[in-house]
Amino acid sequence: MNPVSIHDAAFDCLMQSDIDLKVSQVRALFQEYESGGALCRESDTDIVRVEVPGRPEKPELVSPQSVKMRKLTTPEGRAVLVHAVCHIEFNAINLALDAIYRFREMPDQFYRNWLLVAAEEAKHFSLLRQRLSDMGHQYGDMPAHNGLWEMAVKTDHDVLIRMALVPRVLEARGLDVTPGMIKRLEQVGDTDTVAILHIILAEEIGHVAIGSHWFKYCCEKQDLEPEATFRELLKTYMGGGLRGPFYTEGRLQAGFTEEELAQLSELSP
């Protein structure tokens, strides 16, 4: 029996719409290669655009403007927040799997890194899903937006652009806002959610660092200057700037330079 290609195995997980099966398949795939087993890189399948990855029928997907946050002083408001973060983590599982499936000319370590990310995102999703259940809700009970996956589709043609704009822009935005969420939840005594967010914040710094590493790797292979290239991609895809404030300590740990952070602050609307 021929070994299954890592790319094909990631695609099977990516397209799995059953939540429990997706999480268990991701964990199994990560455990298969965690000990350093040889990766099978051979695949006879063509790479296809994935407009819609495997996901359950709910949540209903709406525009970002239609996803209304509520005050965290109410149980319902805290549940809305947990649901929103839970949805981000579910999308992040698919994003990591798509990188493994799609970009087939990278070193083996690229796939090991993104398998780790997929497994940790699955852990984050499961923790938040259980927290939602404890709060009397289920994942899918509330509407959500599809911004993360829309960026995945926009960047599916180029690994350099994907590494720049998904880990270093969208996921790094999570680093920026999580400390504030933790502070507000501490003020209302939601220690259970705070504990989960501390886990997520620590591991997401590692995920953004992985994105930074491979973005710089791709720049080096193409003889591009990383900081200038990142600025140009922000102009092309993000209208030139990102909204602050920025979590400086976390971004520095995740591979941003002092110069980049100064430029981001200058470009911030």
C-alpha atoms as a PDB file:
ATOM      1  CA  MET A   1       0.000   0.000   0.000  1.00  0.00           C
ATOM      2  CA  ASN A   2       1.464   3.336  -1.041  1.00  0.00           C
ATOM      3  CA  PRO A   3       1.752   6.009   1.659  1.00  0.00           C
ATOM      4  CA  VAL A   4      -0.776   8.821   1.497  1.00  0.00           C
ATOM      5  CA  SER A   5       0.582  12.155   0.319  1.00  0.00           C
ATOM      6  CA  ILE A   6       0.654  14.824   3.034  1.00  0.00           C
ATOM      7  CA  HIS A   7      -1.025  17.145   0.532  1.00  0.00           C
ATOM      8  CA  ASP A   8      -3.891  14.725  -0.134  1.00  0.00           C
ATOM      9  CA  ALA A   9      -4.307  13.947   3.571  1.00  0.00           C
ATOM     10  CA  ALA A  10      -4.522  17.670   4.358  1.00  0.00           C
ATOM     11  CA  PHE A  11      -7.119  18.115   1.608  1.00  0.00           C
ATOM     12  CA  ASP A  12      -9.259  15.329   3.090  1.00  0.00           C
ATOM     13  CA  CYS A  13      -9.200  17.102   6.457  1.00  0.00           C
ATOM     14  CA  LEU A  14      -9.817  20.471   4.815  1.00  0.00           C
ATOM     15  CA  MET A  15     -12.959  19.281   3.058  1.00  0.00           C
ATOM     16  CA  GLN A  16     -14.366  17.391   6.057  1.00  0.00           C
ATOM     17  CA  SER A  17     -17.564  19.202   7.076  1.00  0.00           C
ATOM     18  CA  ASP A  18     -18.330  17.175  10.224  1.00  0.00           C
ATOM     19  CA  ILE A  19     -16.789  19.150  13.102  1.00  0.00           C
ATOM     20  CA  ASP A  20     -15.914  16.180  15.305  1.00  0.00           C
ATOM     21  CA  LEU A  21     -14.394  14.235  12.414  1.00  0.00           C
ATOM     22  CA  LYS A  22     -12.392  17.238  11.240  1.00  0.00           C
ATOM     23  CA  VAL A  23     -10.895  17.777  14.684  1.00  0.00           C
ATOM     24  CA  SER A  24     -10.078  14.084  15.179  1.00  0.00           C
ATOM     25  CA  GLN A  25      -8.584  13.749  11.675  1.00  0.00           C
ATOM     26  CA  VAL A  26      -6.367  16.793  12.200  1.00  0.00           C
ATOM     27  CA  ARG A  27      -5.140  15.433  15.524  1.00  0.00           C
ATOM     28  CA  ALA A  28      -4.426  12.028  13.992  1.00  0.00           C
ATOM     29  CA  LEU A  29      -2.544  13.540  11.065  1.00  0.00           C
ATOM     30  CA  PHE A  30      -0.421  15.672  13.381  1.00  0.00           C
ATOM     31  CA  GLN A  31       0.344  12.705  15.653  1.00  0.00           C
ATOM     32  CA  GLU A  32       1.368  10.624  12.633  1.00  0.00           C
ATOM     33  CA  TYR A  33       4.172  13.040  11.821  1.00  0.00           C
ATOM     34  CA  GLU A  34       4.917  14.504  15.260  1.00  0.00           C
ATOM     35  CA  SER A  35       7.696  11.989  15.853  1.00  0.00           C
ATOM     36  CA  GLY A  36       9.457  12.998  12.638  1.00  0.00           C
ATOM     37  CA  GLY A  37       8.174  10.296  10.334  1.00  0.00           C
ATOM     38  CA  ALA A  38       9.024  10.775   6.662  1.00  0.00           C
ATOM     39  CA  LEU A  39       6.550  12.917   4.724  1.00  0.00           C
ATOM     40  CA  CYS A  40       5.176  11.513   1.483  1.00  0.00           C
ATOM     41  CA  ARG A  41       5.237  14.437  -0.938  1.00  0.00           C
ATOM     42  CA  GLU A  42       4.059  12.634  -4.064  1.00  0.00           C
ATOM     43  CA  SER A  43       0.537  13.450  -5.243  1.00  0.00           C
ATOM     44  CA  ASP A  44      -1.306  12.735  -8.465  1.00  0.00           C
ATOM     45  CA  THR A  45      -4.063  15.254  -7.706  1.00  0.00           C
ATOM     46  CA  ASP A  46      -4.331  18.675  -9.279  1.00  0.00           C
ATOM     47  CA  ILE A  47      -4.381  21.702  -7.010  1.00  0.00           C
ATOM     48  CA  VAL A  48      -7.842  23.279  -7.098  1.00  0.00           C
ATOM     49  CA  ARG A  49      -9.240  26.528  -5.744  1.00  0.00           C
ATOM     50  CA  VAL A  50     -11.306  25.905  -2.612  1.00  0.00           C
ATOM     51  CA  GLU A  51     -14.069  28.500  -2.570  1.00  0.00           C
ATOM     52  CA  VAL A  52     -15.877  26.671   0.240  1.00  0.00           C
ATOM     53  CA  PRO A  53     -13.916  24.385   2.582  1.00  0.00           C
ATOM     54  CA  GLY A  54     -15.485  21.717   4.740  1.00  0.00           C
ATOM     55  CA  ARG A  55     -17.732  23.420   7.276  1.00  0.00           C
ATOM     56  CA  PRO A  56     -21.083  22.724   8.943  1.00  0.00           C
ATOM     57  CA  GLU A  57     -24.301  24.291   7.633  1.00  0.00           C
ATOM     58  CA  LYS A  58     -24.247  26.739  10.525  1.00  0.00           C
ATOM     59  CA  PRO A  59     -23.146  29.365  11.441  1.00  0.00           C
ATOM     60  CA  GLU A  60     -24.915  31.506   8.872  1.00  0.00           C
ATOM     61  CA  LEU A  61     -22.294  33.634   7.095  1.00  0.00           C
ATOM     62  CA  VAL A  62     -23.056  37.352   6.891  1.00  0.00           C
ATOM     63  CA  SER A  63     -21.129  40.551   6.207  1.00  0.00           C
ATOM     64  CA  PRO A  64     -18.695  41.684   8.946  1.00  0.00           C
ATOM     65  CA  GLN A  65     -20.880  44.740   9.545  1.00  0.00           C
ATOM     66  CA  SER A  66     -23.802  42.453  10.393  1.00  0.00           C
ATOM     67  CA  VAL A  67     -21.942  40.671  13.200  1.00  0.00           C
ATOM     68  CA  LYS A  68     -22.879  42.774  16.193  1.00  0.00           C
ATOM     69  CA  MET A  69     -20.869  42.537  19.388  1.00  0.00           C
ATOM     70  CA  ARG A  70     -22.597  43.131  22.720  1.00  0.00           C
ATOM     71  CA  LYS A  71     -21.496  44.385  26.098  1.00  0.00           C
ATOM     72  CA  LEU A  72     -19.372  41.891  27.999  1.00  0.00           C
ATOM     73  CA  THR A  73     -21.208  42.788  31.202  1.00  0.00           C
ATOM     74  CA  THR A  74     -24.011  40.438  30.085  1.00  0.00           C
ATOM     75  CA  PRO A  75     -23.859  36.635  29.729  1.00  0.00           C
ATOM     76  CA  GLU A  76     -25.229  36.951  26.175  1.00  0.00           C
ATOM     77  CA  GLY A  77     -22.531  39.453  25.260  1.00  0.00           C
ATOM     78  CA  ARG A  78     -19.809  37.143  26.524  1.00  0.00           C
ATOM     79  CA  ALA A  79     -21.310  34.235  24.582  1.00  0.00           C
ATOM     80  CA  VAL A  80     -21.309  36.322  21.387  1.00  0.00           C
ATOM     81  CA  LEU A  81     -17.611  37.061  21.901  1.00  0.00           C
ATOM     82  CA  VAL A  82     -16.730  33.418  22.552  1.00  0.00           C
ATOM     83  CA  HIS A  83     -18.692  32.366  19.462  1.00  0.00           C
ATOM     84  CA  ALA A  84     -16.861  34.913  17.305  1.00  0.00           C
ATOM     85  CA  VAL A  85     -13.441  33.716  18.472  1.00  0.00           C
ATOM     86  CA  CYS A  86     -14.543  30.081  18.113  1.00  0.00           C
ATOM     87  CA  HIS A  87     -15.437  30.759  14.476  1.00  0.00           C
ATOM     88  CA  ILE A  88     -12.037  32.359  13.857  1.00  0.00           C
ATOM     89  CA  GLU A  89     -10.320  29.279  15.268  1.00  0.00           C
ATOM     90  CA  PHE A  90     -12.399  26.970  13.082  1.00  0.00           C
ATOM     91  CA  ASN A  91     -11.371  28.951  10.014  1.00  0.00           C
ATOM     92  CA  ALA A  92      -7.768  28.864  11.194  1.00  0.00           C
ATOM     93  CA  ILE A  93      -7.831  25.042  11.114  1.00  0.00           C
ATOM     94  CA  ASN A  94      -8.824  25.195   7.463  1.00  0.00           C
ATOM     95  CA  LEU A  95      -6.237  27.863   6.669  1.00  0.00           C
ATOM     96  CA  ALA A  96      -3.394  25.731   8.026  1.00  0.00           C
ATOM     97  CA  LEU A  97      -4.637  22.668   6.140  1.00  0.00           C
ATOM     98  CA  ASP A  98      -4.983  24.639   2.917  1.00  0.00           C
ATOM     99  CA  ALA A  99      -1.356  25.800   3.154  1.00  0.00           C
ATOM    100  CA  ILE A 100      -0.226  22.171   3.437  1.00  0.00           C
ATOM    101  CA  TYR A 101      -2.450  21.057   0.563  1.00  0.00           C
ATOM    102  CA  ARG A 102      -1.794  23.927  -1.827  1.00  0.00           C
ATOM    103  CA  PHE A 103       1.828  25.006  -1.650  1.00  0.00           C
ATOM    104  CA  ARG A 104       3.774  21.915  -2.708  1.00  0.00           C
ATOM    105  CA  GLU A 105       7.254  23.284  -3.428  1.00  0.00           C
ATOM    106  CA  MET A 106       8.243  24.146   0.140  1.00  0.00           C
ATOM    107  CA  PRO A 107      10.688  22.323   2.473  1.00  0.00           C
ATOM    108  CA  ASP A 108       9.375  19.507   4.667  1.00  0.00           C
ATOM    109  CA  GLN A 109       9.563  21.747   7.738  1.00  0.00           C
ATOM    110  CA  PHE A 110       6.916  24.021   6.224  1.00  0.00           C
ATOM    111  CA  TYR A 111       4.381  21.163   6.349  1.00  0.00           C
ATOM    112  CA  ARG A 112       5.423  20.084   9.848  1.00  0.00           C
ATOM    113  CA  ASN A 113       4.991  23.669  11.043  1.00  0.00           C
ATOM    114  CA  TRP A 114       1.510  23.998   9.576  1.00  0.00           C
ATOM    115  CA  LEU A 115       0.473  20.579  10.885  1.00  0.00           C
ATOM    116  CA  LEU A 116       1.355  21.873  14.361  1.00  0.00           C
ATOM    117  CA  VAL A 117      -0.657  25.028  13.709  1.00  0.00           C
ATOM    118  CA  ALA A 118      -3.659  23.001  12.500  1.00  0.00           C
ATOM    119  CA  ALA A 119      -3.524  20.792  15.609  1.00  0.00           C
ATOM    120  CA  GLU A 120      -3.278  23.768  17.972  1.00  0.00           C
ATOM    121  CA  GLU A 121      -6.097  25.609  16.188  1.00  0.00           C
ATOM    122  CA  ALA A 122      -8.214  22.475  16.564  1.00  0.00           C
ATOM    123  CA  LYS A 123      -7.413  22.511  20.291  1.00  0.00           C
ATOM    124  CA  HIS A 124      -8.382  26.187  20.562  1.00  0.00           C
ATOM    125  CA  PHE A 125     -11.615  25.566  18.682  1.00  0.00           C
ATOM    126  CA  SER A 126     -12.501  22.625  20.924  1.00  0.00           C
ATOM    127  CA  LEU A 127     -11.835  24.603  24.117  1.00  0.00           C
ATOM    128  CA  LEU A 128     -14.028  27.481  22.939  1.00  0.00           C
ATOM    129  CA  ARG A 129     -16.733  25.150  21.681  1.00  0.00           C
ATOM    130  CA  GLN A 130     -16.893  23.512  25.105  1.00  0.00           C
ATOM    131  CA  ARG A 131     -16.932  26.934  26.760  1.00  0.00           C
ATOM    132  CA  LEU A 132     -19.875  27.929  24.556  1.00  0.00           C
ATOM    133  CA  SER A 133     -21.679  24.769  25.589  1.00  0.00           C
ATOM    134  CA  ASP A 134     -21.050  25.591  29.249  1.00  0.00           C
ATOM    135  CA  MET A 135     -22.634  29.002  28.559  1.00  0.00           C
ATOM    136  CA  GLY A 136     -25.741  27.351  27.090  1.00  0.00           C
ATOM    137  CA  HIS A 137     -24.912  27.784  23.384  1.00  0.00           C
ATOM    138  CA  GLN A 138     -23.481  25.802  20.482  1.00  0.00           C
ATOM    139  CA  TYR A 139     -21.113  26.735  17.697  1.00  0.00           C
ATOM    140  CA  GLY A 140     -23.362  27.793  14.850  1.00  0.00           C
ATOM    141  CA  ASP A 141     -26.066  29.380  17.029  1.00  0.00           C
ATOM    142  CA  MET A 142     -24.993  32.894  15.982  1.00  0.00           C
ATOM    143  CA  PRO A 143     -24.107  34.433  12.614  1.00  0.00           C
ATOM    144  CA  ALA A 144     -20.461  34.888  11.650  1.00  0.00           C
ATOM    145  CA  HIS A 145     -18.473  36.416   8.813  1.00  0.00           C
ATOM    146  CA  ASN A 146     -16.156  34.771   6.299  1.00  0.00           C
ATOM    147  CA  GLY A 147     -13.328  37.311   6.102  1.00  0.00           C
ATOM    148  CA  LEU A 148     -10.535  34.890   6.951  1.00  0.00           C
ATOM    149  CA  TRP A 149     -11.462  32.403   4.265  1.00  0.00           C
ATOM    150  CA  GLU A 150     -12.069  35.124   1.691  1.00  0.00           C
ATOM    151  CA  MET A 151      -8.435  36.179   2.191  1.00  0.00           C
ATOM    152  CA  ALA A 152      -7.372  32.556   1.815  1.00  0.00           C
ATOM    153  CA  VAL A 153      -8.996  32.471  -1.627  1.00  0.00           C
ATOM    154  CA  LYS A 154      -7.437  35.811  -2.621  1.00  0.00           C
ATOM    155  CA  THR A 155      -3.966  34.504  -1.726  1.00  0.00           C
ATOM    156  CA  ASP A 156      -4.226  30.940  -3.018  1.00  0.00           C
ATOM    157  CA  HIS A 157      -1.960  31.653  -6.011  1.00  0.00           C
ATOM    158  CA  ASP A 158       1.206  32.590  -4.127  1.00  0.00           C
ATOM    159  CA  VAL A 159       2.727  31.204  -0.924  1.00  0.00           C
ATOM    160  CA  LEU A 160       4.658  34.434  -0.236  1.00  0.00           C
ATOM    161  CA  ILE A 161       1.476  36.504  -0.356  1.00  0.00           C
ATOM    162  CA  ARG A 162      -0.397  33.950   1.785  1.00  0.00           C
ATOM    163  CA  MET A 163       2.319  33.975   4.456  1.00  0.00           C
ATOM    164  CA  ALA A 164       2.344  37.776   4.477  1.00  0.00           C
ATOM    165  CA  LEU A 165      -1.367  38.438   4.639  1.00  0.00           C
ATOM    166  CA  VAL A 166      -2.903  35.606   6.630  1.00  0.00           C
ATOM    167  CA  PRO A 167      -0.498  34.963   9.537  1.00  0.00           C
ATOM    168  CA  ARG A 168       1.148  38.425   9.557  1.00  0.00           C
ATOM    169  CA  VAL A 169      -2.006  40.492   9.016  1.00  0.00           C
ATOM    170  CA  LEU A 170      -5.215  38.677   9.944  1.00  0.00           C
ATOM    171  CA  GLU A 171      -3.875  36.334  12.620  1.00  0.00           C
ATOM    172  CA  ALA A 172      -1.555  39.013  13.988  1.00  0.00           C
ATOM    173  CA  ARG A 173      -4.666  41.153  14.446  1.00  0.00           C
ATOM    174  CA  GLY A 174      -5.783  38.516  16.935  1.00  0.00           C
ATOM    175  CA  LEU A 175      -2.595  39.150  18.904  1.00  0.00           C
ATOM    176  CA  ASP A 176      -3.471  42.847  19.015  1.00  0.00           C
ATOM    177  CA  VAL A 177      -7.007  42.474  20.338  1.00  0.00           C
ATOM    178  CA  THR A 178      -6.715  39.487  22.689  1.00  0.00           C
ATOM    179  CA  PRO A 179      -4.994  41.278  25.613  1.00  0.00           C
ATOM    180  CA  GLY A 180      -7.831  43.813  25.659  1.00  0.00           C
ATOM    181  CA  MET A 181     -10.438  41.048  25.605  1.00  0.00           C
ATOM    182  CA  ILE A 182      -8.685  39.335  28.496  1.00  0.00           C
ATOM    183  CA  LYS A 183      -8.670  42.547  30.512  1.00  0.00           C
ATOM    184  CA  ARG A 184     -12.375  43.216  29.944  1.00  0.00           C
ATOM    185  CA  LEU A 185     -13.340  39.642  30.776  1.00  0.00           C
ATOM    186  CA  GLU A 186     -11.243  39.768  33.953  1.00  0.00           C
ATOM    187  CA  GLN A 187     -13.173  42.879  34.978  1.00  0.00           C
ATOM    188  CA  VAL A 188     -16.476  40.980  34.750  1.00  0.00           C
ATOM    189  CA  GLY A 189     -15.077  37.850  36.439  1.00  0.00           C
ATOM    190  CA  ASP A 190     -15.185  35.433  33.493  1.00  0.00           C
ATOM    191  CA  THR A 191     -12.109  33.509  34.577  1.00  0.00           C
ATOM    192  CA  ASP A 192     -12.964  30.405  32.516  1.00  0.00           C
ATOM    193  CA  THR A 193     -12.884  32.275  29.212  1.00  0.00           C
ATOM    194  CA  VAL A 194      -9.803  34.232  30.304  1.00  0.00           C
ATOM    195  CA  ALA A 195      -7.896  30.984  30.930  1.00  0.00           C
ATOM    196  CA  ILE A 196      -8.667  29.791  27.394  1.00  0.00           C
ATOM    197  CA  LEU A 197      -7.665  33.112  25.843  1.00  0.00           C
ATOM    198  CA  HIS A 198      -4.307  33.006  27.639  1.00  0.00           C
ATOM    199  CA  ILE A 199      -3.621  29.602  26.037  1.00  0.00           C
ATOM    200  CA  ILE A 200      -4.665  30.896  22.629  1.00  0.00           C
ATOM    201  CA  LEU A 201      -2.598  34.073  22.880  1.00  0.00           C
ATOM    202  CA  ALA A 202       0.600  32.215  23.786  1.00  0.00           C
ATOM    203  CA  GLU A 203       0.231  29.719  20.953  1.00  0.00           C
ATOM    204  CA  GLU A 204      -0.939  32.236  18.363  1.00  0.00           C
ATOM    205  CA  ILE A 205       2.322  34.152  18.827  1.00  0.00           C
ATOM    206  CA  GLY A 206       4.009  30.952  17.660  1.00  0.00           C
ATOM    207  CA  HIS A 207       1.675  30.689  14.667  1.00  0.00           C
ATOM    208  CA  VAL A 208       2.391  34.231  13.530  1.00  0.00           C
ATOM    209  CA  ALA A 209       6.112  33.540  14.042  1.00  0.00           C
ATOM    210  CA  ILE A 210       5.810  30.555  11.702  1.00  0.00           C
ATOM    211  CA  GLY A 211       4.174  32.805   9.125  1.00  0.00           C
ATOM    212  CA  SER A 212       6.936  35.395   9.559  1.00  0.00           C
ATOM    213  CA  HIS A 213       9.635  32.748   9.116  1.00  0.00           C
ATOM    214  CA  TRP A 214       8.216  31.394   5.875  1.00  0.00           C
ATOM    215  CA  PHE A 215       7.401  34.859   4.526  1.00  0.00           C
ATOM    216  CA  LYS A 216      11.048  35.823   4.985  1.00  0.00           C
ATOM    217  CA  TYR A 217      12.151  32.488   3.503  1.00  0.00           C
ATOM    218  CA  CYS A 218      10.080  33.177   0.383  1.00  0.00           C
ATOM    219  CA  CYS A 219      11.436  36.718   0.130  1.00  0.00           C
ATOM    220  CA  GLU A 220      15.006  35.407   0.349  1.00  0.00           C
ATOM    221  CA  LYS A 221      14.354  32.813  -2.365  1.00  0.00           C
ATOM    222  CA  GLN A 222      13.049  35.577  -4.660  1.00  0.00           C
ATOM    223  CA  ASP A 223      15.734  38.110  -3.659  1.00  0.00           C
ATOM    224  CA  LEU A 224      13.135  40.470  -2.190  1.00  0.00           C
ATOM    225  CA  GLU A 225      13.564  42.775   0.806  1.00  0.00           C
ATOM    226  CA  PRO A 226      10.978  41.586   3.385  1.00  0.00           C
ATOM    227  CA  GLU A 227       9.951  44.904   4.938  1.00  0.00           C
ATOM    228  CA  ALA A 228       9.494  46.677   1.610  1.00  0.00           C
ATOM    229  CA  THR A 229       7.651  43.674   0.187  1.00  0.00           C
ATOM    230  CA  PHE A 230       5.312  43.568   3.169  1.00  0.00           C
ATOM    231  CA  ARG A 231       4.531  47.274   2.792  1.00  0.00           C
ATOM    232  CA  GLU A 232       3.742  46.806  -0.894  1.00  0.00           C
ATOM    233  CA  LEU A 233       1.413  43.901  -0.147  1.00  0.00           C
ATOM    234  CA  LEU A 234      -0.391  45.990   2.476  1.00  0.00           C
ATOM    235  CA  LYS A 235      -0.932  48.688  -0.125  1.00  0.00           C
ATOM    236  CA  THR A 236      -2.167  46.217  -2.725  1.00  0.00           C
ATOM    237  CA  TYR A 237      -4.435  44.071  -0.563  1.00  0.00           C
ATOM    238  CA  MET A 238      -5.238  46.074   2.588  1.00  0.00           C
ATOM    239  CA  GLY A 239      -5.564  49.633   1.339  1.00  0.00           C
ATOM    240  CA  GLY A 240      -2.133  50.547   2.666  1.00  0.00           C
ATOM    241  CA  GLY A 241      -2.542  50.355   6.418  1.00  0.00           C
ATOM    242  CA  LEU A 242      -3.738  48.345   9.396  1.00  0.00           C
ATOM    243  CA  ARG A 243      -5.817  49.646  12.251  1.00  0.00           C
ATOM    244  CA  GLY A 244      -3.983  49.887  15.557  1.00  0.00           C
ATOM    245  CA  PRO A 245      -3.253  49.731  18.382  1.00  0.00           C
ATOM    246  CA  PHE A 246      -0.694  46.934  18.020  1.00  0.00           C
ATOM    247  CA  TYR A 247       0.439  44.441  20.647  1.00  0.00           C
ATOM    248  CA  THR A 248       4.104  45.338  20.318  1.00  0.00           C
ATOM    249  CA  GLU A 249       5.529  42.677  22.633  1.00  0.00           C
ATOM    250  CA  GLY A 250       3.577  39.869  20.959  1.00  0.00           C
ATOM    251  CA  ARG A 251       4.388  41.019  17.430  1.00  0.00           C
ATOM    252  CA  LEU A 252       8.104  41.272  18.229  1.00  0.00           C
ATOM    253  CA  GLN A 253       8.025  37.697  19.576  1.00  0.00           C
ATOM    254  CA  ALA A 254       6.203  36.678  16.390  1.00  0.00           C
ATOM    255  CA  GLY A 255       8.926  37.882  14.037  1.00  0.00           C
ATOM    256  CA  PHE A 256       8.085  41.528  13.368  1.00  0.00           C
ATOM    257  CA  THR A 257      10.945  44.010  13.522  1.00  0.00           C
ATOM    258  CA  GLU A 258      10.948  47.319  15.393  1.00  0.00           C
ATOM    259  CA  GLU A 259      11.081  49.067  12.002  1.00  0.00           C
ATOM    260  CA  GLU A 260       8.020  47.206  10.737  1.00  0.00           C
ATOM    261  CA  LEU A 261       6.033  48.088  13.850  1.00  0.00           C
ATOM    262  CA  ALA A 262       6.999  51.751  13.507  1.00  0.00           C
ATOM    263  CA  GLN A 263       5.846  51.707   9.871  1.00  0.00           C
ATOM    264  CA  LEU A 264       2.587  49.967  10.801  1.00  0.00           C
ATOM    265  CA  SER A 265       1.901  52.672  13.373  1.00  0.00           C
ATOM    266  CA  GLU A 266       2.594  55.377  10.786  1.00  0.00           C
ATOM    267  CA  LEU A 267       0.246  53.724   8.305  1.00  0.00           C
ATOM    268  CA  SER A 268      -2.505  53.102  10.877  1.00  0.00           C
ATOM    269  CA  PRO A 269      -5.650  55.124  10.036  1.00  0.00           C
END
